[in-house]
Amino acid sequence: MIDAAHPDISIARQCELIQLSRASYYRSVDYGPVVETAENPELMRLIDEEYTRHPFTMKIPSLTCLLINRNPLT
């Protein structure tokens, strides 16, 4: 999609033409595609469940503690 070696059109202009942020382009070049882990859907379910129960009180630190205590990743 983006031709980094194009002689006339810069990477910035190519990204602009296809409405892709340069950060997204460089992230894909540096790290490759993001692969979802097997545990991610379960963690998302737990977060959704807790946030639905407590929509205005559950903040990031609370959710982090909840996940560590309820579903240890180690």
Protein backbone atom coordinates (compact mmCIF):
# COMPACT_ATOMS: atom_id res chain seq x y z
CA MET A 1 0.00 0.00 0.00
CA ILE A 2 2.74 2.46 0.99
CA ASP A 3 5.86 2.41 -1.16
CA ALA A 4 8.70 3.65 1.05
CA ALA A 5 11.06 3.72 -1.92
CA HIS A 6 8.80 5.82 -4.16
CA PRO A 7 11.00 8.47 -5.80
CA ASP A 8 8.38 11.25 -6.00
CA ILE A 9 5.85 10.80 -3.21
CA SER A 10 7.00 10.92 0.40
CA ILE A 11 5.75 8.49 3.01
CA ALA A 12 3.96 11.38 4.72
CA ARG A 13 2.10 12.27 1.50
CA GLN A 14 1.22 8.64 0.78
CA CYS A 15 -0.20 8.29 4.29
CA GLU A 16 -2.17 11.49 3.82
CA LEU A 17 -3.59 10.25 0.50
CA ILE A 18 -4.94 7.05 2.05
CA GLN A 19 -5.91 8.78 5.32
CA LEU A 20 -3.53 6.74 7.46
CA SER A 21 -1.63 8.37 10.28
CA ARG A 22 2.13 8.17 9.94
CA ALA A 23 2.28 6.72 13.45
CA SER A 24 0.10 3.81 12.32
CA TYR A 25 2.29 3.26 9.28
CA TYR A 26 5.51 3.23 11.29
CA ARG A 27 3.95 1.05 14.00
CA SER A 28 3.08 -1.57 11.37
CA VAL A 29 6.59 -1.36 9.89
CA ASP A 30 8.35 -1.61 13.26
CA TYR A 31 6.19 -4.21 14.99
CA GLY A 32 4.17 -5.95 12.29
CA PRO A 33 0.49 -6.80 12.68
CA VAL A 34 -0.97 -6.97 16.16
CA VAL A 35 -1.91 -10.52 17.14
CA GLU A 36 -4.62 -11.04 19.72
CA THR A 37 -3.71 -13.44 22.50
CA ALA A 38 -5.96 -16.29 23.56
CA GLU A 39 -6.58 -14.66 26.95
CA ASN A 40 -7.63 -11.29 25.52
CA PRO A 41 -11.34 -12.14 24.91
CA GLU A 42 -11.67 -13.39 28.49
CA LEU A 43 -10.05 -10.24 29.89
CA MET A 44 -12.31 -8.08 27.73
CA ARG A 45 -15.34 -9.98 29.03
CA LEU A 46 -14.26 -9.45 32.64
CA ILE A 47 -13.68 -5.73 32.08
CA ASP A 48 -17.03 -5.35 30.34
CA GLU A 49 -18.82 -7.26 33.10
CA GLU A 50 -17.34 -5.11 35.87
CA TYR A 51 -17.75 -1.82 34.03
CA THR A 52 -21.40 -2.67 33.32
CA ARG A 53 -21.96 -3.28 37.04
CA HIS A 54 -20.16 -0.08 38.11
CA PRO A 55 -20.11 2.28 35.10
CA PHE A 56 -19.07 5.45 36.91
CA THR A 57 -16.86 4.08 39.67
CA MET A 58 -14.62 1.63 37.82
CA LYS A 59 -11.48 3.43 36.69
CA ILE A 60 -8.27 2.01 35.24
CA PRO A 61 -6.53 1.38 38.61
CA SER A 62 -9.61 -0.41 39.96
CA LEU A 63 -9.92 -2.57 36.86
CA THR A 64 -6.21 -3.38 36.94
CA CYS A 65 -6.39 -4.53 40.56
CA LEU A 66 -9.54 -6.51 39.84
CA LEU A 67 -7.94 -8.36 36.93
CA ILE A 68 -4.71 -9.07 38.78
CA ASN A 69 -6.56 -10.43 41.83
CA ARG A 70 -9.30 -12.27 39.96
CA ASN A 71 -7.42 -13.61 36.98
CA PRO A 72 -3.65 -13.64 37.53
CA LEU A 73 -1.72 -13.51 34.28
CA THR A 74 1.35 -15.23 35.68
